[in-house]
Amino acid sequence: MGSQKQAFILLSVLSFFNFLLLSGADDVYYEFILQETEFTKLCSTKTVLTVNGSFPGPEIRARRDDTVYVNVHNQGRFAVSIVWEGIRDSINGVNELIQPGRNFTYEIELDDEIGTLWWHARSAWAKATVYGAFVILPAAGEEYPFPAPTSDHAIILGEWFRQELTESVVPGQPDAYAINGHLGESYGCNDTSYQLQVDYQGLYLLRLINAVANETMVFAIAQHSLTIVGQNASYAQRSFSNSLTLAPGQTVDVLLSASQNVGQYYITARSSSSGRLNTTGILYYTTSTGF
């Protein structure tokens, strides 16, 4: 009897530690370098503020319940602060400006957020180029409440201005829209197009973010239906649509089933209020359907 009790206690202890291993949260660290970077778009070159030299900035990835530390070094000319959209817990120092030549570490404690959020500079002039995706994956041992995707991709809808933006220049109407920093072929300046590679019969989780400041954007992929599974870092009841309308700052997670004939299909993003400007990308299949 005693040996059975000991075995039960041992099994309980092992199960407890196994639970801790499966559900344990981690500390995740990122280094952000704010710096001036030259880009050539719309047939001209200008200097913009970036993070780590990229536009959009780097993607943050963590799991539910993790704590994320982001050390921001400001090597630009003006003071900047970063906004962490949709994080439910308060973040120390979020309203403080990081002066040129200084750094600040944000500590972001994740709770029940799941899916896609984003971060960006607070000032309107810097927000035009300083932003990126914040992807929150299920905790260890958790699964998605929908079929597991082949892979996932953040797709950020942004804007581009011909003029150089500084703290003394307030952005007006954009001169172009962008998909992950690519303006596409719509503007006649040989700007590159965003390309999304898929395999036939693959299932892809697309993390859509509208980083355009003052415009509702319409997103679509020709001949493909999208299944909505999440919005603003929460799971959503599944629904289906051929196009999506995203308010400024909104994030939507969708499943894309790559079930069309092999070929290339336009990805489009346009303002809902004006047909004057739009941008295009390309979805292309890499394997044959046998047709």
Protein backbone atom coordinates (compact mmCIF):
# COMPACT_ATOMS: atom_id res chain seq x y z
CA MET A 1 0.00 0.00 0.00
CA GLY A 2 2.85 2.34 0.93
CA SER A 3 4.64 1.71 -2.37
CA GLN A 4 1.44 2.50 -4.32
CA LYS A 5 1.08 5.79 -2.42
CA GLN A 6 4.71 6.69 -3.12
CA ALA A 7 4.24 5.86 -6.79
CA PHE A 8 1.13 8.05 -6.92
CA ILE A 9 2.99 10.96 -5.28
CA LEU A 10 5.92 10.55 -7.68
CA LEU A 11 3.59 10.49 -10.68
CA SER A 12 1.84 13.62 -9.41
CA VAL A 13 5.15 15.44 -8.96
CA LEU A 14 6.32 14.44 -12.45
CA SER A 15 3.00 15.56 -13.95
CA PHE A 16 3.29 18.91 -12.17
CA PHE A 17 6.81 19.56 -13.46
CA ASN A 18 5.78 18.45 -16.93
CA PHE A 19 2.95 21.01 -16.78
CA LEU A 20 5.43 23.70 -15.79
CA LEU A 21 7.72 22.80 -18.69
CA LEU A 22 4.86 22.90 -21.17
CA SER A 23 3.29 26.12 -19.94
CA GLY A 24 6.35 28.01 -18.70
CA ALA A 25 6.69 31.56 -19.98
CA ASP A 26 9.96 32.94 -21.35
CA ASP A 27 11.78 36.25 -21.41
CA VAL A 28 12.29 37.48 -24.99
CA TYR A 29 14.83 40.19 -25.90
CA TYR A 30 15.07 42.55 -28.87
CA GLU A 31 17.45 45.39 -29.78
CA PHE A 32 16.01 48.28 -31.80
CA ILE A 33 18.35 50.85 -33.38
CA LEU A 34 16.57 54.02 -34.52
CA GLN A 35 18.62 55.43 -37.39
CA GLU A 36 18.42 57.53 -40.56
CA THR A 37 18.34 55.37 -43.71
CA GLU A 38 18.17 56.24 -47.42
CA PHE A 39 15.47 54.68 -49.60
CA THR A 40 14.70 55.14 -53.29
CA LYS A 41 10.99 55.00 -54.08
CA LEU A 42 8.68 56.89 -56.46
CA CYS A 43 11.70 57.71 -58.66
CA SER A 44 13.51 59.66 -55.93
CA THR A 45 15.78 59.07 -52.95
CA LYS A 46 15.20 60.43 -49.47
CA THR A 47 16.23 59.80 -45.87
CA VAL A 48 13.73 58.33 -43.43
CA LEU A 49 13.85 57.19 -39.82
CA THR A 50 13.94 53.39 -39.52
CA VAL A 51 14.48 50.65 -36.96
CA ASN A 52 17.55 48.50 -37.70
CA GLY A 53 17.68 50.02 -41.18
CA SER A 54 14.51 48.34 -42.44
CA PHE A 55 11.09 49.55 -43.60
CA PRO A 56 8.90 48.25 -42.08
CA GLY A 57 10.86 47.57 -38.92
CA PRO A 58 11.66 44.16 -37.38
CA GLU A 59 8.94 41.74 -36.39
CA ILE A 60 8.61 40.81 -32.72
CA ARG A 61 7.64 37.20 -31.96
CA ALA A 62 6.72 35.86 -28.55
CA ARG A 63 4.30 33.45 -26.92
CA ARG A 64 1.28 34.11 -24.78
CA ASP A 65 2.38 34.94 -21.18
CA ASP A 66 5.98 35.76 -22.21
CA THR A 67 7.71 38.95 -21.10
CA VAL A 68 9.28 40.92 -23.97
CA TYR A 69 12.17 43.35 -23.43
CA VAL A 70 12.85 45.81 -26.25
CA ASN A 71 15.94 47.99 -25.83
CA VAL A 72 15.55 51.02 -28.11
CA HIS A 73 18.68 53.02 -29.00
CA ASN A 74 17.94 56.39 -30.60
CA GLN A 75 20.64 57.26 -33.13
CA GLY A 76 18.34 59.64 -35.00
CA ARG A 77 18.15 63.44 -34.88
CA PHE A 78 14.93 63.80 -32.89
CA ALA A 79 13.38 62.39 -29.73
CA VAL A 80 11.07 59.41 -30.31
CA SER A 81 8.84 57.10 -28.26
CA ILE A 82 7.31 53.77 -29.21
CA VAL A 83 3.63 52.76 -28.87
CA TRP A 84 2.72 49.09 -28.32
CA GLU A 85 -0.76 48.82 -29.77
CA GLY A 86 -3.23 46.50 -28.05
CA ILE A 87 -1.08 45.47 -25.07
CA ARG A 88 -3.53 45.30 -22.18
CA ASP A 89 -1.09 45.68 -19.26
CA SER A 90 0.50 49.09 -18.65
CA ILE A 91 4.08 49.58 -19.87
CA ASN A 92 6.50 51.71 -17.85
CA GLY A 93 7.96 54.64 -19.77
CA VAL A 94 5.63 54.34 -22.74
CA ASN A 95 4.97 58.10 -22.72
CA GLU A 96 8.61 59.13 -22.28
CA LEU A 97 10.63 60.43 -25.22
CA ILE A 98 13.94 58.73 -25.97
CA GLN A 99 16.35 61.55 -26.68
CA PRO A 100 19.00 61.30 -29.45
CA GLY A 101 22.01 59.37 -28.21
CA ARG A 102 20.05 57.71 -25.41
CA ASN A 103 18.32 54.35 -25.00
CA PHE A 104 15.36 52.93 -23.10
CA THR A 105 14.21 49.36 -22.46
CA TYR A 106 10.49 48.63 -22.65
CA GLU A 107 9.24 45.72 -20.55
CA ILE A 108 6.08 44.22 -22.06
CA GLU A 109 4.26 41.56 -20.06
CA LEU A 110 1.93 39.53 -22.25
CA ASP A 111 -1.21 38.08 -20.71
CA ASP A 112 -4.15 36.78 -22.74
CA GLU A 113 -3.26 38.53 -25.99
CA ILE A 114 -3.05 36.08 -28.91
CA GLY A 115 -2.54 36.64 -32.62
CA THR A 116 -1.32 39.88 -34.16
CA LEU A 117 -0.63 43.34 -32.81
CA TRP A 118 1.84 45.99 -33.93
CA TRP A 119 4.18 48.68 -32.66
CA HIS A 120 4.95 52.15 -34.04
CA ALA A 121 6.48 55.51 -33.26
CA ARG A 122 4.15 57.89 -31.44
CA SER A 123 4.87 61.03 -33.52
CA ALA A 124 2.97 61.28 -36.80
CA TRP A 125 6.10 62.05 -38.85
CA ALA A 126 8.06 59.07 -37.46
CA LYS A 127 5.09 56.68 -37.49
CA ALA A 128 5.11 56.79 -41.32
CA THR A 129 8.22 54.57 -41.41
CA VAL A 130 8.85 53.36 -37.85
CA TYR A 131 6.51 50.41 -37.30
CA GLY A 132 6.39 46.63 -37.35
CA ALA A 133 4.40 43.52 -36.49
CA PHE A 134 4.05 42.07 -32.99
CA VAL A 135 3.18 38.38 -33.33
CA ILE A 136 1.90 36.52 -30.25
CA LEU A 137 1.92 32.75 -30.68
CA PRO A 138 0.06 30.22 -28.52
CA ALA A 139 1.83 29.25 -25.29
CA ALA A 140 3.88 26.07 -25.25
CA GLY A 141 1.52 23.10 -25.33
CA GLU A 142 -1.37 25.16 -26.74
CA GLU A 143 -2.79 24.73 -30.23
CA TYR A 144 -4.65 27.02 -32.59
CA PRO A 145 -8.47 26.64 -32.51
CA PHE A 146 -8.32 26.16 -36.29
CA PRO A 147 -6.29 23.91 -38.62
CA ALA A 148 -2.55 24.43 -38.13
CA PRO A 149 -1.14 26.59 -40.96
CA THR A 150 1.78 25.60 -43.17
CA SER A 151 3.38 28.92 -42.22
CA ASP A 152 2.37 32.44 -41.27
CA HIS A 153 3.21 35.84 -42.78
CA ALA A 154 2.74 39.39 -41.50
CA ILE A 155 1.42 41.73 -44.20
CA ILE A 156 1.56 45.42 -43.24
CA LEU A 157 -0.30 48.03 -45.28
CA GLY A 158 1.61 51.31 -45.12
CA GLU A 159 2.07 54.63 -46.89
CA TRP A 160 4.89 56.60 -48.52
CA PHE A 161 5.49 60.35 -48.79
CA ARG A 162 7.74 62.05 -51.34
CA GLN A 163 8.77 64.76 -48.90
CA GLU A 164 11.23 64.17 -46.09
CA LEU A 165 9.40 64.00 -42.78
CA THR A 166 10.72 65.56 -39.57
CA GLU A 167 9.15 66.68 -36.32
CA SER A 168 8.42 70.06 -37.93
CA VAL A 169 6.68 68.51 -40.98
CA VAL A 170 3.20 67.04 -40.50
CA PRO A 171 2.38 64.33 -43.07
CA GLY A 172 -0.51 65.15 -45.39
CA GLN A 173 -2.00 62.83 -47.97
CA PRO A 174 0.37 59.99 -48.93
CA ASP A 175 1.83 59.80 -52.42
CA ALA A 176 1.65 56.00 -52.47
CA TYR A 177 0.59 52.97 -50.45
CA ALA A 178 2.84 50.03 -49.64
CA ILE A 179 2.62 46.32 -48.82
CA ASN A 180 5.47 45.43 -46.46
CA GLY A 181 7.35 48.49 -47.72
CA HIS A 182 6.93 47.63 -51.42
CA LEU A 183 5.02 50.14 -53.55
CA GLY A 184 4.45 47.78 -56.48
CA GLU A 185 4.06 48.51 -60.16
CA SER A 186 1.14 50.94 -59.96
CA TYR A 187 3.20 54.14 -59.77
CA GLY A 188 5.39 53.81 -62.85
CA CYS A 189 8.77 54.04 -61.10
CA ASN A 190 9.93 50.41 -61.25
CA ASP A 191 9.31 50.01 -57.54
CA THR A 192 9.42 46.40 -56.42
CA SER A 193 6.28 44.43 -55.58
CA TYR A 194 5.68 42.40 -52.46
CA GLN A 195 5.72 38.68 -53.31
CA LEU A 196 4.06 35.90 -51.34
CA GLN A 197 5.19 32.38 -52.25
CA VAL A 198 2.80 29.48 -51.60
CA ASP A 199 2.66 25.77 -52.34
CA TYR A 200 -0.41 24.21 -53.87
CA GLN A 201 -2.82 22.96 -51.17
CA GLY A 202 -0.85 24.74 -48.45
CA LEU A 203 -2.70 26.58 -45.67
CA TYR A 204 -1.30 30.00 -44.71
CA LEU A 205 -2.03 32.30 -41.80
CA LEU A 206 -1.83 35.91 -42.99
CA ARG A 207 -1.44 38.56 -40.28
CA LEU A 208 -2.84 41.77 -41.77
CA ILE A 209 -2.03 45.15 -40.22
CA ASN A 210 -3.30 48.54 -41.39
CA ALA A 211 -0.49 50.96 -40.50
CA VAL A 212 -1.92 53.74 -42.69
CA ALA A 213 -2.59 56.65 -40.35
CA ASN A 214 -5.91 58.05 -41.54
CA GLU A 215 -7.31 55.70 -44.17
CA THR A 216 -9.46 52.58 -44.08
CA MET A 217 -7.82 50.09 -46.43
CA VAL A 218 -9.34 47.30 -48.57
CA PHE A 219 -7.23 44.17 -49.04
CA ALA A 220 -7.83 41.28 -51.45
CA ILE A 221 -6.11 38.46 -53.30
CA ALA A 222 -7.51 37.73 -56.76
CA GLN A 223 -9.57 34.50 -57.00
CA HIS A 224 -8.88 33.59 -53.36
CA SER A 225 -11.24 33.59 -50.40
CA LEU A 226 -10.00 34.55 -46.93
CA THR A 227 -11.17 33.00 -43.66
CA ILE A 228 -11.11 35.40 -40.72
CA VAL A 229 -9.90 33.69 -37.52
CA GLY A 230 -8.72 36.60 -35.35
CA GLN A 231 -8.85 40.35 -34.85
CA ASN A 232 -6.80 42.72 -32.68
CA ALA A 233 -5.00 39.96 -30.75
CA SER A 234 -8.07 37.83 -30.00
CA TYR A 235 -9.52 34.79 -31.72
CA ALA A 236 -12.69 35.46 -33.71
CA GLN A 237 -15.57 33.34 -34.90
CA ARG A 238 -14.67 32.11 -38.35
CA SER A 239 -16.15 33.99 -41.29
CA PHE A 240 -15.38 34.14 -45.00
CA SER A 241 -14.75 37.02 -47.37
CA ASN A 242 -13.23 37.79 -50.77
CA SER A 243 -11.90 41.13 -49.49
CA LEU A 244 -11.21 42.70 -46.12
CA THR A 245 -11.74 46.25 -44.91
CA LEU A 246 -9.30 47.34 -42.19
CA ALA A 247 -9.73 50.51 -40.15
CA PRO A 248 -6.58 52.50 -39.26
CA GLY A 249 -4.55 50.51 -36.73
CA GLN A 250 -6.68 47.37 -37.06
CA THR A 251 -5.18 43.87 -37.28
CA VAL A 252 -6.93 40.84 -38.77
CA ASP A 253 -5.71 37.24 -38.92
CA VAL A 254 -6.94 35.21 -41.89
CA LEU A 255 -6.40 31.75 -43.31
CA LEU A 256 -5.55 31.46 -47.00
CA SER A 257 -6.05 28.11 -48.71
CA ALA A 258 -3.73 27.85 -51.73
CA SER A 259 -6.16 25.84 -53.85
CA GLN A 260 -6.18 27.65 -57.21
CA ASN A 261 -4.41 26.70 -60.42
CA VAL A 262 -0.66 27.28 -60.50
CA GLY A 263 0.11 30.83 -61.57
CA GLN A 264 0.39 34.36 -60.28
CA TYR A 265 -2.40 36.34 -58.66
CA TYR A 266 -2.56 40.01 -57.77
CA ILE A 267 -2.60 41.09 -54.14
CA THR A 268 -4.25 44.52 -53.91
CA ALA A 269 -4.48 47.19 -51.22
CA ARG A 270 -6.37 50.43 -51.74
CA SER A 271 -7.97 53.23 -49.79
CA SER A 272 -11.71 52.75 -49.29
CA SER A 273 -12.33 56.47 -49.77
CA SER A 274 -10.36 57.05 -52.94
CA GLY A 275 -9.53 54.97 -55.98
CA ARG A 276 -6.72 57.32 -56.92
CA LEU A 277 -4.00 55.36 -55.14
CA ASN A 278 -3.55 51.63 -54.80
CA THR A 279 -0.70 49.18 -54.53
CA THR A 280 -0.27 45.64 -55.77
CA GLY A 281 1.75 42.60 -54.82
CA ILE A 282 2.01 39.11 -56.27
CA LEU A 283 0.97 35.74 -54.86
CA TYR A 284 2.63 32.94 -56.80
CA TYR A 285 2.50 29.16 -56.62
CA THR A 286 5.70 27.13 -56.60
CA THR A 287 4.37 23.60 -57.22
CA SER A 288 2.23 22.09 -59.95
CA THR A 289 -1.42 21.10 -59.66
CA GLY A 290 -1.07 18.62 -62.53
CA PHE A 291 -3.30 20.61 -64.90
